[in-house]
Amino acid sequence: MTGTLTRDGLVQLKSKALEGSKALDQAAITAQLKELPDWHLKQGAIERSLAFSDYYETMAFLNALAFVVHAEDHHPDISFGYNQAVVRFNTHSVKGISLNDFICAAKCDAIYSTRHLRKS
């Protein structure tokens, strides 16, 4: 990865196969996390906790996220409950954090930011 990308810049990108590539180094991860301030490095993955008003809103978000990350062919680990979820991205093929993780994290943020817009 060359340089830090903005959240909007990341959303415009598409994940790609990374077999044979290397994980991002600590400096690149730290710099990129500044563009996604709700995400944190934890136990080898970038992670974000999300809050929702109820179970329906939680599941609607998770279904939307599943659709998007499936199209990216880059799948997170997710744990959830009635009104909360924790989303974790890392890249198994590089044994660490990759640009794909940040692309999908930015897309996760974009979905999360629209959750109240759908309520009428």
PDB file of N, CA and C in Angstrom:
ATOM      1  N   MET A   1       0.858  -1.172   0.000  1.00  0.00           N
ATOM      2  CA  MET A   1       0.000   0.000   0.000  1.00  0.00           C
ATOM      3  C   MET A   1       0.897   1.225   0.000  1.00  0.00           C
ATOM      4  N   THR A   2       0.592   2.154  -0.860  1.00  0.00           N
ATOM      5  CA  THR A   2       1.379   3.377  -0.947  1.00  0.00           C
ATOM      6  C   THR A   2       0.550   4.532  -0.412  1.00  0.00           C
ATOM      7  N   GLY A   3       0.907   5.060   0.756  1.00  0.00           N
ATOM      8  CA  GLY A   3       0.188   6.195   1.327  1.00  0.00           C
ATOM      9  C   GLY A   3      -1.105   5.789   2.001  1.00  0.00           C
ATOM     10  N   THR A   4      -1.616   6.716   2.779  1.00  0.00           N
ATOM     11  CA  THR A   4      -2.865   6.507   3.498  1.00  0.00           C
ATOM     12  C   THR A   4      -4.025   6.949   2.630  1.00  0.00           C
ATOM     13  N   LEU A   5      -5.093   6.170   2.645  1.00  0.00           N
ATOM     14  CA  LEU A   5      -6.294   6.489   1.872  1.00  0.00           C
ATOM     15  C   LEU A   5      -7.383   6.995   2.798  1.00  0.00           C
ATOM     16  N   THR A   6      -8.184   7.921   2.327  1.00  0.00           N
ATOM     17  CA  THR A   6      -9.320   8.397   3.104  1.00  0.00           C
ATOM     18  C   THR A   6     -10.405   7.329   3.138  1.00  0.00           C
ATOM     19  N   ARG A   7     -11.352   7.508   4.037  1.00  0.00           N
ATOM     20  CA  ARG A   7     -12.491   6.580   4.110  1.00  0.00           C
ATOM     21  C   ARG A   7     -13.210   6.534   2.770  1.00  0.00           C
ATOM     22  N   ASP A   8     -13.468   7.710   2.177  1.00  0.00           N
ATOM     23  CA  ASP A   8     -14.153   7.747   0.884  1.00  0.00           C
ATOM     24  C   ASP A   8     -13.324   7.077  -0.207  1.00  0.00           C
ATOM     25  N   GLY A   9     -12.020   7.263  -0.162  1.00  0.00           N
ATOM     26  CA  GLY A   9     -11.143   6.608  -1.126  1.00  0.00           C
ATOM     27  C   GLY A   9     -11.184   5.096  -0.993  1.00  0.00           C
ATOM     28  N   LEU A  10     -11.211   4.610   0.233  1.00  0.00           N
ATOM     29  CA  LEU A  10     -11.283   3.171   0.472  1.00  0.00           C
ATOM     30  C   LEU A  10     -12.597   2.587  -0.043  1.00  0.00           C
ATOM     31  N   VAL A  11     -13.699   3.308   0.178  1.00  0.00           N
ATOM     32  CA  VAL A  11     -15.014   2.825  -0.258  1.00  0.00           C
ATOM     33  C   VAL A  11     -15.055   2.633  -1.773  1.00  0.00           C
ATOM     34  N   GLN A  12     -14.313   3.434  -2.503  1.00  0.00           N
ATOM     35  CA  GLN A  12     -14.304   3.358  -3.963  1.00  0.00           C
ATOM     36  C   GLN A  12     -13.504   2.167  -4.497  1.00  0.00           C
ATOM     37  N   LEU A  13     -12.691   1.553  -3.660  1.00  0.00           N
ATOM     38  CA  LEU A  13     -11.846   0.446  -4.103  1.00  0.00           C
ATOM     39  C   LEU A  13     -12.564  -0.890  -3.997  1.00  0.00           C
ATOM     40  N   LYS A  14     -12.014  -1.887  -4.652  1.00  0.00           N
ATOM     41  CA  LYS A  14     -12.523  -3.258  -4.625  1.00  0.00           C
ATOM     42  C   LYS A  14     -11.424  -4.152  -4.059  1.00  0.00           C
ATOM     43  N   SER A  15     -11.791  -5.053  -3.179  1.00  0.00           N
ATOM     44  CA  SER A  15     -10.826  -6.014  -2.645  1.00  0.00           C
ATOM     45  C   SER A  15     -10.298  -6.882  -3.778  1.00  0.00           C
ATOM     46  N   LYS A  16      -9.060  -7.341  -3.599  1.00  0.00           N
ATOM     47  CA  LYS A  16      -8.471  -8.202  -4.622  1.00  0.00           C
ATOM     48  C   LYS A  16      -7.734  -9.355  -3.961  1.00  0.00           C
ATOM     49  N   ALA A  17      -7.515 -10.402  -4.728  1.00  0.00           N
ATOM     50  CA  ALA A  17      -6.784 -11.563  -4.221  1.00  0.00           C
ATOM     51  C   ALA A  17      -5.368 -11.135  -3.839  1.00  0.00           C
ATOM     52  N   LEU A  18      -4.889 -11.619  -2.701  1.00  0.00           N
ATOM     53  CA  LEU A  18      -3.588 -11.189  -2.189  1.00  0.00           C
ATOM     54  C   LEU A  18      -2.607 -12.325  -1.961  1.00  0.00           C
ATOM     55  N   GLU A  19      -2.903 -13.515  -2.476  1.00  0.00           N
ATOM     56  CA  GLU A  19      -1.982 -14.621  -2.289  1.00  0.00           C
ATOM     57  C   GLU A  19      -0.593 -14.193  -2.741  1.00  0.00           C
ATOM     58  N   GLY A  20       0.403 -14.481  -1.916  1.00  0.00           N
ATOM     59  CA  GLY A  20       1.779 -14.118  -2.226  1.00  0.00           C
ATOM     60  C   GLY A  20       2.162 -12.713  -1.794  1.00  0.00           C
ATOM     61  N   SER A  21       1.188 -11.944  -1.302  1.00  0.00           N
ATOM     62  CA  SER A  21       1.462 -10.587  -0.824  1.00  0.00           C
ATOM     63  C   SER A  21       1.830 -10.624   0.644  1.00  0.00           C
ATOM     64  N   LYS A  22       2.338  -9.509   1.134  1.00  0.00           N
ATOM     65  CA  LYS A  22       2.701  -9.388   2.545  1.00  0.00           C
ATOM     66  C   LYS A  22       1.662  -8.543   3.277  1.00  0.00           C
ATOM     67  N   ALA A  23       1.568  -8.789   4.569  1.00  0.00           N
ATOM     68  CA  ALA A  23       0.702  -7.979   5.426  1.00  0.00           C
ATOM     69  C   ALA A  23       1.273  -6.567   5.516  1.00  0.00           C
ATOM     70  N   LEU A  24       0.396  -5.620   5.830  1.00  0.00           N
ATOM     71  CA  LEU A  24       0.847  -4.249   6.065  1.00  0.00           C
ATOM     72  C   LEU A  24       1.712  -4.213   7.315  1.00  0.00           C
ATOM     73  N   ASP A  25       2.672  -3.319   7.324  1.00  0.00           N
ATOM     74  CA  ASP A  25       3.503  -3.184   8.521  1.00  0.00           C
ATOM     75  C   ASP A  25       2.779  -2.311   9.547  1.00  0.00           C
ATOM     76  N   GLN A  26       3.314  -2.290  10.758  1.00  0.00           N
ATOM     77  CA  GLN A  26       2.666  -1.574  11.863  1.00  0.00           C
ATOM     78  C   GLN A  26       2.471  -0.091  11.553  1.00  0.00           C
ATOM     79  N   ALA A  27       3.442   0.537  10.924  1.00  0.00           N
ATOM     80  CA  ALA A  27       3.338   1.966  10.596  1.00  0.00           C
ATOM     81  C   ALA A  27       2.190   2.218   9.624  1.00  0.00           C
ATOM     82  N   ALA A  28       2.033   1.372   8.622  1.00  0.00           N
ATOM     83  CA  ALA A  28       0.951   1.535   7.646  1.00  0.00           C
ATOM     84  C   ALA A  28      -0.409   1.302   8.297  1.00  0.00           C
ATOM     85  N   ILE A  29      -0.489   0.317   9.176  1.00  0.00           N
ATOM     86  CA  ILE A  29      -1.750   0.044   9.884  1.00  0.00           C
ATOM     87  C   ILE A  29      -2.124   1.224  10.769  1.00  0.00           C
ATOM     88  N   THR A  30      -1.170   1.716  11.533  1.00  0.00           N
ATOM     89  CA  THR A  30      -1.420   2.851  12.432  1.00  0.00           C
ATOM     90  C   THR A  30      -1.869   4.076  11.648  1.00  0.00           C
ATOM     91  N   ALA A  31      -1.206   4.362  10.546  1.00  0.00           N
ATOM     92  CA  ALA A  31      -1.560   5.517   9.715  1.00  0.00           C
ATOM     93  C   ALA A  31      -2.956   5.353   9.134  1.00  0.00           C
ATOM     94  N   GLN A  32      -3.277   4.164   8.634  1.00  0.00           N
ATOM     95  CA  GLN A  32      -4.590   3.964   8.014  1.00  0.00           C
ATOM     96  C   GLN A  32      -5.707   3.999   9.041  1.00  0.00           C
ATOM     97  N   LEU A  33      -5.449   3.514  10.247  1.00  0.00           N
ATOM     98  CA  LEU A  33      -6.468   3.556  11.301  1.00  0.00           C
ATOM     99  C   LEU A  33      -6.868   4.984  11.657  1.00  0.00           C
ATOM    100  N   LYS A  34      -5.989   5.953  11.424  1.00  0.00           N
ATOM    101  CA  LYS A  34      -6.343   7.354  11.685  1.00  0.00           C
ATOM    102  C   LYS A  34      -7.468   7.818  10.779  1.00  0.00           C
ATOM    103  N   GLU A  35      -7.623   7.195   9.620  1.00  0.00           N
ATOM    104  CA  GLU A  35      -8.714   7.527   8.693  1.00  0.00           C
ATOM    105  C   GLU A  35     -10.006   6.807   9.060  1.00  0.00           C
ATOM    106  N   LEU A  36      -9.912   5.812   9.906  1.00  0.00           N
ATOM    107  CA  LEU A  36     -11.076   5.046  10.364  1.00  0.00           C
ATOM    108  C   LEU A  36     -11.052   5.018  11.891  1.00  0.00           C
ATOM    109  N   PRO A  37     -11.348   6.161  12.525  1.00  0.00           N
ATOM    110  CA  PRO A  37     -11.111   6.291  13.968  1.00  0.00           C
ATOM    111  C   PRO A  37     -11.955   5.383  14.861  1.00  0.00           C
ATOM    112  N   ASP A  38     -13.007   4.796  14.345  1.00  0.00           N
ATOM    113  CA  ASP A  38     -13.821   3.891  15.158  1.00  0.00           C
ATOM    114  C   ASP A  38     -13.281   2.467  15.176  1.00  0.00           C
ATOM    115  N   TRP A  39     -12.257   2.227  14.375  1.00  0.00           N
ATOM    116  CA  TRP A  39     -11.640   0.903  14.285  1.00  0.00           C
ATOM    117  C   TRP A  39     -10.357   0.871  15.104  1.00  0.00           C
ATOM    118  N   HIS A  40     -10.061  -0.301  15.674  1.00  0.00           N
ATOM    119  CA  HIS A  40      -8.890  -0.460  16.523  1.00  0.00           C
ATOM    120  C   HIS A  40      -8.202  -1.778  16.190  1.00  0.00           C
ATOM    121  N   LEU A  41      -6.902  -1.797  16.338  1.00  0.00           N
ATOM    122  CA  LEU A  41      -6.138  -3.021  16.165  1.00  0.00           C
ATOM    123  C   LEU A  41      -6.249  -3.822  17.450  1.00  0.00           C
ATOM    124  N   LYS A  42      -6.709  -5.057  17.324  1.00  0.00           N
ATOM    125  CA  LYS A  42      -6.870  -5.897  18.500  1.00  0.00           C
ATOM    126  C   LYS A  42      -6.609  -7.349  18.110  1.00  0.00           C
ATOM    127  N   GLN A  43      -5.613  -7.947  18.719  1.00  0.00           N
ATOM    128  CA  GLN A  43      -5.288  -9.359  18.532  1.00  0.00           C
ATOM    129  C   GLN A  43      -5.208  -9.747  17.052  1.00  0.00           C
ATOM    130  N   GLY A  44      -4.457  -8.974  16.281  1.00  0.00           N
ATOM    131  CA  GLY A  44      -4.196  -9.320  14.893  1.00  0.00           C
ATOM    132  C   GLY A  44      -5.290  -9.011  13.900  1.00  0.00           C
ATOM    133  N   ALA A  45      -6.255  -8.194  14.308  1.00  0.00           N
ATOM    134  CA  ALA A  45      -7.350  -7.814  13.406  1.00  0.00           C
ATOM    135  C   ALA A  45      -7.730  -6.368  13.681  1.00  0.00           C
ATOM    136  N   ILE A  46      -8.402  -5.743  12.712  1.00  0.00           N
ATOM    137  CA  ILE A  46      -9.004  -4.447  13.005  1.00  0.00           C
ATOM    138  C   ILE A  46     -10.446  -4.726  13.413  1.00  0.00           C
ATOM    139  N   GLU A  47     -10.893  -4.014  14.424  1.00  0.00           N
ATOM    140  CA  GLU A  47     -12.165  -4.337  15.067  1.00  0.00           C
ATOM    141  C   GLU A  47     -12.949  -3.073  15.353  1.00  0.00           C
ATOM    142  N   ARG A  48     -14.267  -3.183  15.226  1.00  0.00           N
ATOM    143  CA  ARG A  48     -15.150  -2.092  15.585  1.00  0.00           C
ATOM    144  C   ARG A  48     -16.379  -2.654  16.291  1.00  0.00           C
ATOM    145  N   SER A  49     -16.790  -1.985  17.363  1.00  0.00           N
ATOM    146  CA  SER A  49     -18.040  -2.303  18.053  1.00  0.00           C
ATOM    147  C   SER A  49     -19.105  -1.346  17.551  1.00  0.00           C
ATOM    148  N   LEU A  50     -20.303  -1.875  17.328  1.00  0.00           N
ATOM    149  CA  LEU A  50     -21.403  -1.075  16.792  1.00  0.00           C
ATOM    150  C   LEU A  50     -22.632  -1.247  17.673  1.00  0.00           C
ATOM    151  N   ALA A  51     -23.386  -0.173  17.863  1.00  0.00           N
ATOM    152  CA  ALA A  51     -24.590  -0.209  18.683  1.00  0.00           C
ATOM    153  C   ALA A  51     -25.819   0.040  17.810  1.00  0.00           C
ATOM    154  N   PHE A  52     -26.914  -0.619  18.167  1.00  0.00           N
ATOM    155  CA  PHE A  52     -28.166  -0.503  17.421  1.00  0.00           C
ATOM    156  C   PHE A  52     -29.319  -0.314  18.392  1.00  0.00           C
ATOM    157  N   SER A  53     -30.470   0.058  17.873  1.00  0.00           N
ATOM    158  CA  SER A  53     -31.615   0.308  18.750  1.00  0.00           C
ATOM    159  C   SER A  53     -32.329  -0.979  19.165  1.00  0.00           C
ATOM    160  N   ASP A  54     -32.260  -2.015  18.340  1.00  0.00           N
ATOM    161  CA  ASP A  54     -32.962  -3.248  18.655  1.00  0.00           C
ATOM    162  C   ASP A  54     -32.436  -4.387  17.775  1.00  0.00           C
ATOM    163  N   TYR A  55     -33.005  -5.561  17.972  1.00  0.00           N
ATOM    164  CA  TYR A  55     -32.554  -6.741  17.250  1.00  0.00           C
ATOM    165  C   TYR A  55     -32.784  -6.604  15.745  1.00  0.00           C
ATOM    166  N   TYR A  56     -33.917  -6.056  15.357  1.00  0.00           N
ATOM    167  CA  TYR A  56     -34.214  -5.902  13.934  1.00  0.00           C
ATOM    168  C   TYR A  56     -33.166  -5.024  13.250  1.00  0.00           C
ATOM    169  N   GLU A  57     -32.817  -3.907  13.865  1.00  0.00           N
ATOM    170  CA  GLU A  57     -31.820  -3.015  13.279  1.00  0.00           C
ATOM    171  C   GLU A  57     -30.450  -3.709  13.208  1.00  0.00           C
ATOM    172  N   THR A  58     -30.098  -4.473  14.253  1.00  0.00           N
ATOM    173  CA  THR A  58     -28.848  -5.218  14.254  1.00  0.00           C
ATOM    174  C   THR A  58     -28.812  -6.191  13.084  1.00  0.00           C
ATOM    175  N   MET A  59     -29.873  -6.963  12.915  1.00  0.00           N
ATOM    176  CA  MET A  59     -29.897  -7.973  11.859  1.00  0.00           C
ATOM    177  C   MET A  59     -29.956  -7.332  10.470  1.00  0.00           C
ATOM    178  N   ALA A  60     -30.660  -6.230  10.325  1.00  0.00           N
ATOM    179  CA  ALA A  60     -30.702  -5.542   9.029  1.00  0.00           C
ATOM    180  C   ALA A  60     -29.301  -5.077   8.642  1.00  0.00           C
ATOM    181  N   PHE A  61     -28.578  -4.517   9.582  1.00  0.00           N
ATOM    182  CA  PHE A  61     -27.205  -4.094   9.315  1.00  0.00           C
ATOM    183  C   PHE A  61     -26.331  -5.291   8.938  1.00  0.00           C
ATOM    184  N   LEU A  62     -26.409  -6.364   9.713  1.00  0.00           N
ATOM    185  CA  LEU A  62     -25.559  -7.525   9.450  1.00  0.00           C
ATOM    186  C   LEU A  62     -25.862  -8.150   8.091  1.00  0.00           C
ATOM    187  N   ASN A  63     -27.133  -8.169   7.699  1.00  0.00           N
ATOM    188  CA  ASN A  63     -27.483  -8.681   6.378  1.00  0.00           C
ATOM    189  C   ASN A  63     -26.927  -7.793   5.278  1.00  0.00           C
ATOM    190  N   ALA A  64     -27.000  -6.485   5.459  1.00  0.00           N
ATOM    191  CA  ALA A  64     -26.431  -5.559   4.470  1.00  0.00           C
ATOM    192  C   ALA A  64     -24.920  -5.732   4.393  1.00  0.00           C
ATOM    193  N   LEU A  65     -24.265  -5.838   5.540  1.00  0.00           N
ATOM    194  CA  LEU A  65     -22.818  -6.040   5.565  1.00  0.00           C
ATOM    195  C   LEU A  65     -22.451  -7.364   4.893  1.00  0.00           C
ATOM    196  N   ALA A  66     -23.199  -8.416   5.171  1.00  0.00           N
ATOM    197  CA  ALA A  66     -22.919  -9.717   4.563  1.00  0.00           C
ATOM    198  C   ALA A  66     -23.002  -9.630   3.044  1.00  0.00           C
ATOM    199  N   PHE A  67     -23.973  -8.916   2.539  1.00  0.00           N
ATOM    200  CA  PHE A  67     -24.119  -8.755   1.090  1.00  0.00           C
ATOM    201  C   PHE A  67     -22.906  -8.046   0.495  1.00  0.00           C
ATOM    202  N   VAL A  68     -22.481  -6.962   1.130  1.00  0.00           N
ATOM    203  CA  VAL A  68     -21.362  -6.169   0.613  1.00  0.00           C
ATOM    204  C   VAL A  68     -20.046  -6.938   0.696  1.00  0.00           C
ATOM    205  N   VAL A  69     -19.756  -7.536   1.827  1.00  0.00           N
ATOM    206  CA  VAL A  69     -18.465  -8.222   1.959  1.00  0.00           C
ATOM    207  C   VAL A  69     -18.419  -9.491   1.118  1.00  0.00           C
ATOM    208  N   HIS A  70     -19.560 -10.088   0.867  1.00  0.00           N
ATOM    209  CA  HIS A  70     -19.573 -11.247  -0.029  1.00  0.00           C
ATOM    210  C   HIS A  70     -19.164 -10.814  -1.441  1.00  0.00           C
ATOM    211  N   ALA A  71     -19.663  -9.667  -1.876  1.00  0.00           N
ATOM    212  CA  ALA A  71     -19.273  -9.130  -3.183  1.00  0.00           C
ATOM    213  C   ALA A  71     -17.781  -8.795  -3.213  1.00  0.00           C
ATOM    214  N   GLU A  72     -17.213  -8.437  -2.061  1.00  0.00           N
ATOM    215  CA  GLU A  72     -15.785  -8.152  -1.957  1.00  0.00           C
ATOM    216  C   GLU A  72     -14.954  -9.429  -1.822  1.00  0.00           C
ATOM    217  N   ASP A  73     -15.609 -10.549  -1.562  1.00  0.00           N
ATOM    218  CA  ASP A  73     -14.946 -11.824  -1.297  1.00  0.00           C
ATOM    219  C   ASP A  73     -13.931 -11.674  -0.161  1.00  0.00           C
ATOM    220  N   HIS A  74     -14.371 -10.961   0.887  1.00  0.00           N
ATOM    221  CA  HIS A  74     -13.514 -10.719   2.053  1.00  0.00           C
ATOM    222  C   HIS A  74     -14.424 -10.690   3.276  1.00  0.00           C
ATOM    223  N   HIS A  75     -14.388 -11.748   4.046  1.00  0.00           N
ATOM    224  CA  HIS A  75     -15.405 -11.970   5.071  1.00  0.00           C
ATOM    225  C   HIS A  75     -14.872 -11.746   6.480  1.00  0.00           C
ATOM    226  N   PRO A  76     -15.612 -10.983   7.295  1.00  0.00           N
ATOM    227  CA  PRO A  76     -15.168 -10.699   8.663  1.00  0.00           C
ATOM    228  C   PRO A  76     -15.602 -11.781   9.645  1.00  0.00           C
ATOM    229  N   ASP A  77     -15.049 -11.698  10.826  1.00  0.00           N
ATOM    230  CA  ASP A  77     -15.587 -12.424  11.973  1.00  0.00           C
ATOM    231  C   ASP A  77     -16.552 -11.453  12.640  1.00  0.00           C
ATOM    232  N   ILE A  78     -17.732 -11.945  12.973  1.00  0.00           N
ATOM    233  CA  ILE A  78     -18.762 -11.089  13.558  1.00  0.00           C
ATOM    234  C   ILE A  78     -19.334 -11.783  14.785  1.00  0.00           C
ATOM    235  N   SER A  79     -19.468 -11.032  15.864  1.00  0.00           N
ATOM    236  CA  SER A  79     -20.237 -11.501  17.009  1.00  0.00           C
ATOM    237  C   SER A  79     -21.316 -10.457  17.252  1.00  0.00           C
ATOM    238  N   PHE A  80     -22.475 -10.900  17.686  1.00  0.00           N
ATOM    239  CA  PHE A  80     -23.574  -9.945  17.860  1.00  0.00           C
ATOM    240  C   PHE A  80     -24.550 -10.418  18.923  1.00  0.00           C
ATOM    241  N   GLY A  81     -25.337  -9.464  19.381  1.00  0.00           N
ATOM    242  CA  GLY A  81     -26.406  -9.713  20.330  1.00  0.00           C
ATOM    243  C   GLY A  81     -27.598  -8.851  19.960  1.00  0.00           C
ATOM    244  N   TYR A  82     -28.501  -8.693  20.882  1.00  0.00           N
ATOM    245  CA  TYR A  82     -29.763  -7.994  20.631  1.00  0.00           C
ATOM    246  C   TYR A  82     -29.575  -6.633  19.970  1.00  0.00           C
ATOM    247  N   ASN A  83     -28.692  -5.814  20.492  1.00  0.00           N
ATOM    248  CA  ASN A  83     -28.541  -4.444  19.968  1.00  0.00           C
ATOM    249  C   ASN A  83     -27.075  -4.037  19.792  1.00  0.00           C
ATOM    250  N   GLN A  84     -26.219  -5.005  19.487  1.00  0.00           N
ATOM    251  CA  GLN A  84     -24.798  -4.694  19.311  1.00  0.00           C
ATOM    252  C   GLN A  84     -24.144  -5.742  18.427  1.00  0.00           C
ATOM    253  N   ALA A  85     -23.037  -5.323  17.825  1.00  0.00           N
ATOM    254  CA  ALA A  85     -22.228  -6.247  17.022  1.00  0.00           C
ATOM    255  C   ALA A  85     -20.766  -5.824  17.109  1.00  0.00           C
ATOM    256  N   VAL A  86     -19.896  -6.789  16.967  1.00  0.00           N
ATOM    257  CA  VAL A  86     -18.461  -6.537  16.865  1.00  0.00           C
ATOM    258  C   VAL A  86     -18.015  -7.158  15.543  1.00  0.00           C
ATOM    259  N   VAL A  87     -17.380  -6.334  14.707  1.00  0.00           N
ATOM    260  CA  VAL A  87     -16.918  -6.774  13.390  1.00  0.00           C
ATOM    261  C   VAL A  87     -15.396  -6.734  13.401  1.00  0.00           C
ATOM    262  N   ARG A  88     -14.770  -7.833  12.938  1.00  0.00           N
ATOM    263  CA  ARG A  88     -13.307  -7.954  12.917  1.00  0.00           C
ATOM    264  C   ARG A  88     -12.850  -8.382  11.528  1.00  0.00           C
ATOM    265  N   PHE A  89     -11.887  -7.663  10.990  1.00  0.00           N
ATOM    266  CA  PHE A  89     -11.294  -8.016   9.704  1.00  0.00           C
ATOM    267  C   PHE A  89      -9.806  -8.295   9.863  1.00  0.00           C
ATOM    268  N   ASN A  90      -9.347  -9.362   9.240  1.00  0.00           N
ATOM    269  CA  ASN A  90      -7.939  -9.604   8.977  1.00  0.00           C
ATOM    270  C   ASN A  90      -7.873 -10.450   7.715  1.00  0.00           C
ATOM    271  N   THR A  91      -6.666 -10.649   7.199  1.00  0.00           N
ATOM    272  CA  THR A  91      -6.526 -11.359   5.932  1.00  0.00           C
ATOM    273  C   THR A  91      -5.688 -12.607   6.155  1.00  0.00           C
ATOM    274  N   HIS A  92      -6.347 -13.752   6.082  1.00  0.00           N
ATOM    275  CA  HIS A  92      -5.663 -15.018   6.349  1.00  0.00           C
ATOM    276  C   HIS A  92      -4.529 -15.278   5.360  1.00  0.00           C
ATOM    277  N   SER A  93      -4.728 -14.907   4.092  1.00  0.00           N
ATOM    278  CA  SER A  93      -3.716 -15.230   3.075  1.00  0.00           C
ATOM    279  C   SER A  93      -2.407 -14.464   3.270  1.00  0.00           C
ATOM    280  N   VAL A  94      -2.446 -13.339   3.991  1.00  0.00           N
ATOM    281  CA  VAL A  94      -1.199 -12.599   4.258  1.00  0.00           C
ATOM    282  C   VAL A  94      -0.789 -12.718   5.724  1.00  0.00           C
ATOM    283  N   LYS A  95      -1.596 -13.428   6.485  1.00  0.00           N
ATOM    284  CA  LYS A  95      -1.343 -13.640   7.920  1.00  0.00           C
ATOM    285  C   LYS A  95      -1.198 -12.312   8.665  1.00  0.00           C
ATOM    286  N   GLY A  96      -2.144 -11.408   8.401  1.00  0.00           N
ATOM    287  CA  GLY A  96      -2.122 -10.109   9.067  1.00  0.00           C
ATOM    288  C   GLY A  96      -3.193  -9.191   8.511  1.00  0.00           C
ATOM    289  N   ILE A  97      -2.903  -7.911   8.531  1.00  0.00           N
ATOM    290  CA  ILE A  97      -3.826  -6.884   8.068  1.00  0.00           C
ATOM    291  C   ILE A  97      -3.423  -6.473   6.655  1.00  0.00           C
ATOM    292  N   SER A  98      -4.426  -6.317   5.783  1.00  0.00           N
ATOM    293  CA  SER A  98      -4.175  -5.910   4.402  1.00  0.00           C
ATOM    294  C   SER A  98      -5.064  -4.726   4.025  1.00  0.00           C
ATOM    295  N   LEU A  99      -4.818  -4.189   2.856  1.00  0.00           N
ATOM    296  CA  LEU A  99      -5.672  -3.128   2.328  1.00  0.00           C
ATOM    297  C   LEU A  99      -7.122  -3.604   2.240  1.00  0.00           C
ATOM    298  N   ASN A 100      -7.351  -4.865   1.913  1.00  0.00           N
ATOM    299  CA  ASN A 100      -8.717  -5.395   1.834  1.00  0.00           C
ATOM    300  C   ASN A 100      -9.474  -5.192   3.143  1.00  0.00           C
ATOM    301  N   ASP A 101      -8.778  -5.333   4.256  1.00  0.00           N
ATOM    302  CA  ASP A 101      -9.427  -5.145   5.557  1.00  0.00           C
ATOM    303  C   ASP A 101      -9.923  -3.714   5.712  1.00  0.00           C
ATOM    304  N   PHE A 102      -9.113  -2.762   5.291  1.00  0.00           N
ATOM    305  CA  PHE A 102      -9.502  -1.356   5.389  1.00  0.00           C
ATOM    306  C   PHE A 102     -10.596  -1.000   4.394  1.00  0.00           C
ATOM    307  N   ILE A 103     -10.560  -1.587   3.213  1.00  0.00           N
ATOM    308  CA  ILE A 103     -11.627  -1.361   2.229  1.00  0.00           C
ATOM    309  C   ILE A 103     -12.964  -1.818   2.810  1.00  0.00           C
ATOM    310  N   CYS A 104     -12.979  -3.024   3.359  1.00  0.00           N
ATOM    311  CA  CYS A 104     -14.227  -3.551   3.903  1.00  0.00           C
ATOM    312  C   CYS A 104     -14.655  -2.829   5.182  1.00  0.00           C
ATOM    313  N   ALA A 105     -13.702  -2.396   5.991  1.00  0.00           N
ATOM    314  CA  ALA A 105     -14.038  -1.613   7.183  1.00  0.00           C
ATOM    315  C   ALA A 105     -14.693  -0.297   6.785  1.00  0.00           C
ATOM    316  N   ALA A 106     -14.178   0.359   5.760  1.00  0.00           N
ATOM    317  CA  ALA A 106     -14.769   1.616   5.287  1.00  0.00           C
ATOM    318  C   ALA A 106     -16.175   1.377   4.748  1.00  0.00           C
ATOM    319  N   LYS A 107     -16.376   0.263   4.060  1.00  0.00           N
ATOM    320  CA  LYS A 107     -17.712  -0.056   3.543  1.00  0.00           C
ATOM    321  C   LYS A 107     -18.665  -0.390   4.688  1.00  0.00           C
ATOM    322  N   CYS A 108     -18.155  -1.025   5.723  1.00  0.00           N
ATOM    323  CA  CYS A 108     -18.941  -1.280   6.932  1.00  0.00           C
ATOM    324  C   CYS A 108     -19.387   0.042   7.546  1.00  0.00           C
ATOM    325  N   ASP A 109     -18.465   0.991   7.660  1.00  0.00           N
ATOM    326  CA  ASP A 109     -18.802   2.315   8.194  1.00  0.00           C
ATOM    327  C   ASP A 109     -19.876   2.990   7.351  1.00  0.00           C
ATOM    328  N   ALA A 110     -19.767   2.871   6.034  1.00  0.00           N
ATOM    329  CA  ALA A 110     -20.742   3.501   5.143  1.00  0.00           C
ATOM    330  C   ALA A 110     -22.134   2.916   5.366  1.00  0.00           C
ATOM    331  N   ILE A 111     -22.228   1.620   5.530  1.00  0.00           N
ATOM    332  CA  ILE A 111     -23.523   0.985   5.803  1.00  0.00           C
ATOM    333  C   ILE A 111     -24.052   1.453   7.153  1.00  0.00           C
ATOM    334  N   TYR A 112     -23.198   1.435   8.156  1.00  0.00           N
ATOM    335  CA  TYR A 112     -23.608   1.825   9.513  1.00  0.00           C
ATOM    336  C   TYR A 112     -24.093   3.273   9.549  1.00  0.00           C
ATOM    337  N   SER A 113     -23.462   4.141   8.788  1.00  0.00           N
ATOM    338  CA  SER A 113     -23.840   5.562   8.819  1.00  0.00           C
ATOM    339  C   SER A 113     -25.214   5.825   8.218  1.00  0.00           C
ATOM    340  N   THR A 114     -25.751   4.876   7.464  1.00  0.00           N
ATOM    341  CA  THR A 114     -27.080   5.072   6.851  1.00  0.00           C
ATOM    342  C   THR A 114     -28.207   4.452   7.662  1.00  0.00           C
ATOM    343  N   ARG A 115     -27.933   3.831   8.788  1.00  0.00           N
ATOM    344  CA  ARG A 115     -28.968   3.090   9.503  1.00  0.00           C
ATOM    345  C   ARG A 115     -30.138   3.956   9.931  1.00  0.00           C
ATOM    346  N   HIS A 116     -29.943   5.197  10.289  1.00  0.00           N
ATOM    347  CA  HIS A 116     -31.054   6.050  10.725  1.00  0.00           C
ATOM    348  C   HIS A 116     -31.756   6.718   9.554  1.00  0.00           C
ATOM    349  N   LEU A 117     -31.153   6.723   8.400  1.00  0.00           N
ATOM    350  CA  LEU A 117     -31.761   7.341   7.217  1.00  0.00           C
ATOM    351  C   LEU A 117     -32.945   6.514   6.717  1.00  0.00           C
ATOM    352  N   ARG A 118     -32.953   5.219   7.001  1.00  0.00           N
ATOM    353  CA  ARG A 118     -34.006   4.345   6.506  1.00  0.00           C
ATOM    354  C   ARG A 118     -35.271   4.408   7.352  1.00  0.00           C
ATOM    355  N   LYS A 119     -35.173   4.978   8.538  1.00  0.00           N
ATOM    356  CA  LYS A 119     -36.336   5.041   9.423  1.00  0.00           C
ATOM    357  C   LYS A 119     -37.208   6.228   9.045  1.00  0.00           C
ATOM    358  N   SER A 120     -38.497   6.000   8.962  1.00  0.00           N
ATOM    359  CA  SER A 120     -39.434   7.092   8.632  1.00  0.00           C
ATOM    360  C   SER A 120     -40.536   7.165   9.654  1.00  0.00           C
TER     361      SER A 120
END
